[in-house]
Amino acid sequence: MRIRNDNELKLFEETLDRCDASVLVVTAQGDQYDLKDPAQRYLGIAEMLRENGVNEPELFASSCRDEMRLFDYLNALEKKSA
């Protein structure tokens, strides 16, 4: 998943703040960052902001509730771009 602008970043961080459990970003190289950990959040988001070709980082939520929050985030982005 890629974050493309400041509005997406703000909405994404608000979504993360509502998540209860670990949310991992995993790069194509296998690096993992827990976005609920303050230090790792910045590193993980930096990966999501980076343009590096076709290999976008992937997101994984450790709870169904948090996964639904991430889907809500993606739906909100889709509505804003429509």
N, C-alpha and C. Protein backbone atom coordinates (compact mmCIF):
# COMPACT_ATOMS: atom_id res chain seq x y z
N MET A 1 0.83 -1.17 0.00
CA MET A 1 0.00 0.00 0.00
C MET A 1 0.88 1.24 0.00
N ARG A 2 0.47 2.21 -0.73
CA ARG A 2 1.23 3.44 -0.87
C ARG A 2 0.42 4.61 -0.31
N ILE A 3 1.08 5.51 0.39
CA ILE A 3 0.48 6.77 0.83
C ILE A 3 0.99 7.83 -0.13
N ARG A 4 0.07 8.56 -0.77
CA ARG A 4 0.45 9.45 -1.87
C ARG A 4 0.47 10.93 -1.54
N ASN A 5 -0.19 11.35 -0.45
CA ASN A 5 -0.22 12.78 -0.13
C ASN A 5 -0.51 13.01 1.35
N ASP A 6 -0.48 14.27 1.75
CA ASP A 6 -0.67 14.61 3.16
C ASP A 6 -2.05 14.23 3.69
N ASN A 7 -3.08 14.39 2.86
CA ASN A 7 -4.43 14.03 3.30
C ASN A 7 -4.54 12.53 3.57
N GLU A 8 -3.97 11.73 2.70
CA GLU A 8 -3.98 10.28 2.91
C GLU A 8 -3.20 9.92 4.17
N LEU A 9 -2.08 10.59 4.39
CA LEU A 9 -1.28 10.34 5.58
C LEU A 9 -2.06 10.66 6.85
N LYS A 10 -2.70 11.80 6.88
CA LYS A 10 -3.47 12.21 8.06
C LYS A 10 -4.59 11.21 8.34
N LEU A 11 -5.33 10.82 7.32
CA LEU A 11 -6.41 9.87 7.49
C LEU A 11 -5.88 8.50 7.92
N PHE A 12 -4.74 8.10 7.37
CA PHE A 12 -4.14 6.82 7.74
C PHE A 12 -3.72 6.81 9.20
N GLU A 13 -3.09 7.89 9.66
CA GLU A 13 -2.66 7.95 11.05
C GLU A 13 -3.86 7.97 12.00
N GLU A 14 -4.93 8.64 11.61
CA GLU A 14 -6.16 8.62 12.42
C GLU A 14 -6.71 7.20 12.50
N THR A 15 -6.64 6.48 11.39
CA THR A 15 -7.10 5.09 11.37
C THR A 15 -6.24 4.23 12.28
N LEU A 16 -4.91 4.40 12.21
CA LEU A 16 -4.01 3.64 13.08
C LEU A 16 -4.29 3.91 14.55
N ASP A 17 -4.58 5.15 14.88
CA ASP A 17 -4.86 5.49 16.28
C ASP A 17 -6.10 4.78 16.80
N ARG A 18 -7.03 4.45 15.92
CA ARG A 18 -8.25 3.73 16.33
C ARG A 18 -8.02 2.22 16.41
N CYS A 19 -6.94 1.73 15.83
CA CYS A 19 -6.66 0.29 15.87
C CYS A 19 -6.22 -0.12 17.28
N ASP A 20 -6.63 -1.33 17.68
CA ASP A 20 -6.34 -1.82 19.03
C ASP A 20 -5.10 -2.69 19.11
N ALA A 21 -4.81 -3.43 18.06
CA ALA A 21 -3.70 -4.39 18.09
C ALA A 21 -2.67 -4.02 17.03
N SER A 22 -1.69 -4.88 16.86
CA SER A 22 -0.61 -4.64 15.91
C SER A 22 -1.12 -4.52 14.48
N VAL A 23 -0.55 -3.56 13.78
CA VAL A 23 -0.76 -3.40 12.34
C VAL A 23 0.64 -3.39 11.74
N LEU A 24 0.91 -4.37 10.90
CA LEU A 24 2.25 -4.51 10.33
C LEU A 24 2.29 -4.02 8.90
N VAL A 25 3.37 -3.34 8.57
CA VAL A 25 3.68 -3.06 7.17
C VAL A 25 4.90 -3.92 6.85
N VAL A 26 4.81 -4.64 5.73
CA VAL A 26 5.89 -5.55 5.31
C VAL A 26 6.34 -5.14 3.92
N THR A 27 7.63 -4.88 3.79
CA THR A 27 8.18 -4.46 2.50
C THR A 27 8.46 -5.69 1.63
N ALA A 28 8.70 -5.46 0.37
CA ALA A 28 9.03 -6.54 -0.57
C ALA A 28 10.33 -7.24 -0.16
N GLN A 29 11.19 -6.54 0.57
CA GLN A 29 12.45 -7.13 1.04
C GLN A 29 12.27 -7.92 2.32
N GLY A 30 11.05 -7.91 2.88
CA GLY A 30 10.78 -8.67 4.10
C GLY A 30 10.92 -7.89 5.39
N ASP A 31 11.23 -6.61 5.31
CA ASP A 31 11.30 -5.78 6.51
C ASP A 31 9.89 -5.59 7.07
N GLN A 32 9.76 -5.69 8.40
CA GLN A 32 8.46 -5.55 9.04
C GLN A 32 8.50 -4.43 10.07
N TYR A 33 7.43 -3.64 10.10
CA TYR A 33 7.31 -2.56 11.06
C TYR A 33 5.92 -2.62 11.69
N ASP A 34 5.87 -2.60 13.02
CA ASP A 34 4.60 -2.57 13.73
C ASP A 34 4.18 -1.11 13.86
N LEU A 35 3.14 -0.73 13.16
CA LEU A 35 2.73 0.68 13.11
C LEU A 35 2.08 1.15 14.40
N LYS A 36 1.86 0.25 15.35
CA LYS A 36 1.35 0.66 16.66
C LYS A 36 2.48 1.02 17.60
N ASP A 37 3.70 0.68 17.26
CA ASP A 37 4.89 1.05 18.04
C ASP A 37 5.36 2.41 17.54
N PRO A 38 5.50 3.41 18.43
CA PRO A 38 5.83 4.77 17.97
C PRO A 38 7.08 4.86 17.10
N ALA A 39 8.16 4.19 17.48
CA ALA A 39 9.40 4.29 16.70
C ALA A 39 9.25 3.59 15.35
N GLN A 40 8.63 2.42 15.35
CA GLN A 40 8.47 1.67 14.11
C GLN A 40 7.44 2.31 13.18
N ARG A 41 6.49 3.05 13.76
CA ARG A 41 5.46 3.70 12.94
C ARG A 41 6.11 4.63 11.91
N TYR A 42 7.07 5.43 12.34
CA TYR A 42 7.71 6.38 11.43
C TYR A 42 8.49 5.67 10.33
N LEU A 43 9.16 4.60 10.69
CA LEU A 43 9.91 3.84 9.69
C LEU A 43 8.98 3.16 8.69
N GLY A 44 7.90 2.59 9.20
CA GLY A 44 6.93 1.93 8.33
C GLY A 44 6.23 2.90 7.40
N ILE A 45 5.83 4.05 7.94
CA ILE A 45 5.17 5.05 7.10
C ILE A 45 6.14 5.60 6.06
N ALA A 46 7.41 5.74 6.44
CA ALA A 46 8.41 6.18 5.46
C ALA A 46 8.47 5.21 4.29
N GLU A 47 8.37 3.92 4.57
CA GLU A 47 8.35 2.92 3.49
C GLU A 47 7.11 3.08 2.62
N MET A 48 5.99 3.43 3.24
CA MET A 48 4.74 3.58 2.51
C MET A 48 4.73 4.86 1.66
N LEU A 49 5.53 5.83 2.03
CA LEU A 49 5.64 7.07 1.28
C LEU A 49 6.64 6.97 0.13
N ARG A 50 7.57 6.04 0.23
CA ARG A 50 8.67 5.91 -0.73
C ARG A 50 8.17 5.36 -2.07
N GLU A 51 8.59 5.99 -3.13
CA GLU A 51 8.33 5.48 -4.49
C GLU A 51 9.47 4.55 -4.84
N ASN A 52 9.17 3.27 -4.99
CA ASN A 52 10.25 2.33 -5.34
C ASN A 52 9.81 1.34 -6.40
N GLY A 53 9.09 1.83 -7.37
CA GLY A 53 8.69 0.95 -8.47
C GLY A 53 7.38 0.24 -8.20
N VAL A 54 7.31 -1.01 -8.57
CA VAL A 54 6.06 -1.76 -8.49
C VAL A 54 5.85 -2.47 -7.17
N ASN A 55 6.87 -2.56 -6.34
CA ASN A 55 6.78 -3.32 -5.10
C ASN A 55 6.31 -2.44 -3.94
N GLU A 56 5.00 -2.36 -3.76
CA GLU A 56 4.46 -1.58 -2.66
C GLU A 56 4.45 -2.42 -1.39
N PRO A 57 4.65 -1.79 -0.23
CA PRO A 57 4.55 -2.52 1.03
C PRO A 57 3.13 -3.05 1.24
N GLU A 58 3.02 -4.12 2.01
CA GLU A 58 1.72 -4.71 2.31
C GLU A 58 1.37 -4.45 3.77
N LEU A 59 0.08 -4.35 4.07
CA LEU A 59 -0.42 -4.15 5.42
C LEU A 59 -1.06 -5.42 5.93
N PHE A 60 -0.87 -5.69 7.21
CA PHE A 60 -1.49 -6.83 7.87
C PHE A 60 -1.99 -6.39 9.24
N ALA A 61 -3.24 -6.66 9.52
CA ALA A 61 -3.82 -6.36 10.83
C ALA A 61 -3.92 -7.66 11.62
N SER A 62 -3.71 -7.58 12.93
CA SER A 62 -3.74 -8.80 13.74
C SER A 62 -5.11 -9.04 14.37
N SER A 63 -6.08 -8.19 14.07
CA SER A 63 -7.44 -8.45 14.54
C SER A 63 -8.43 -8.11 13.43
N CYS A 64 -9.55 -8.80 13.44
CA CYS A 64 -10.59 -8.56 12.42
C CYS A 64 -11.12 -7.14 12.52
N ARG A 65 -11.28 -6.64 13.72
CA ARG A 65 -11.80 -5.29 13.92
C ARG A 65 -10.86 -4.26 13.29
N ASP A 66 -9.55 -4.43 13.51
CA ASP A 66 -8.58 -3.50 12.92
C ASP A 66 -8.53 -3.64 11.41
N GLU A 67 -8.70 -4.86 10.93
CA GLU A 67 -8.73 -5.07 9.48
C GLU A 67 -9.91 -4.31 8.86
N MET A 68 -11.04 -4.33 9.52
CA MET A 68 -12.20 -3.59 9.03
C MET A 68 -11.94 -2.08 9.05
N ARG A 69 -11.22 -1.61 10.04
CA ARG A 69 -10.86 -0.19 10.09
C ARG A 69 -9.98 0.19 8.89
N LEU A 70 -9.06 -0.70 8.54
CA LEU A 70 -8.20 -0.44 7.38
C LEU A 70 -9.01 -0.46 6.08
N PHE A 71 -9.98 -1.37 5.99
CA PHE A 71 -10.86 -1.38 4.82
C PHE A 71 -11.67 -0.09 4.74
N ASP A 72 -12.13 0.39 5.90
CA ASP A 72 -12.87 1.67 5.92
C ASP A 72 -11.99 2.80 5.41
N TYR A 73 -10.71 2.79 5.79
CA TYR A 73 -9.76 3.79 5.31
C TYR A 73 -9.66 3.72 3.78
N LEU A 74 -9.50 2.52 3.24
CA LEU A 74 -9.39 2.37 1.78
C LEU A 74 -10.67 2.81 1.07
N ASN A 75 -11.81 2.50 1.67
CA ASN A 75 -13.08 2.94 1.09
C ASN A 75 -13.19 4.46 1.09
N ALA A 76 -12.72 5.10 2.15
CA ALA A 76 -12.76 6.57 2.23
C ALA A 76 -11.87 7.17 1.14
N LEU A 77 -10.71 6.56 0.89
CA LEU A 77 -9.83 7.05 -0.18
C LEU A 77 -10.50 6.91 -1.53
N GLU A 78 -11.17 5.80 -1.74
CA GLU A 78 -11.84 5.57 -3.02
C GLU A 78 -12.96 6.60 -3.24
N LYS A 79 -13.69 6.92 -2.20
CA LYS A 79 -14.76 7.91 -2.33
C LYS A 79 -14.22 9.30 -2.62
N LYS A 80 -13.07 9.64 -2.01
CA LYS A 80 -12.49 10.96 -2.25
C LYS A 80 -11.95 11.09 -3.67
N SER A 81 -11.49 9.98 -4.25
CA SER A 81 -10.93 10.06 -5.60
C SER A 81 -12.01 9.96 -6.67
N ALA A 82 -13.20 9.57 -6.30
CA ALA A 82 -14.29 9.43 -7.29
C ALA A 82 -14.92 10.75 -7.64
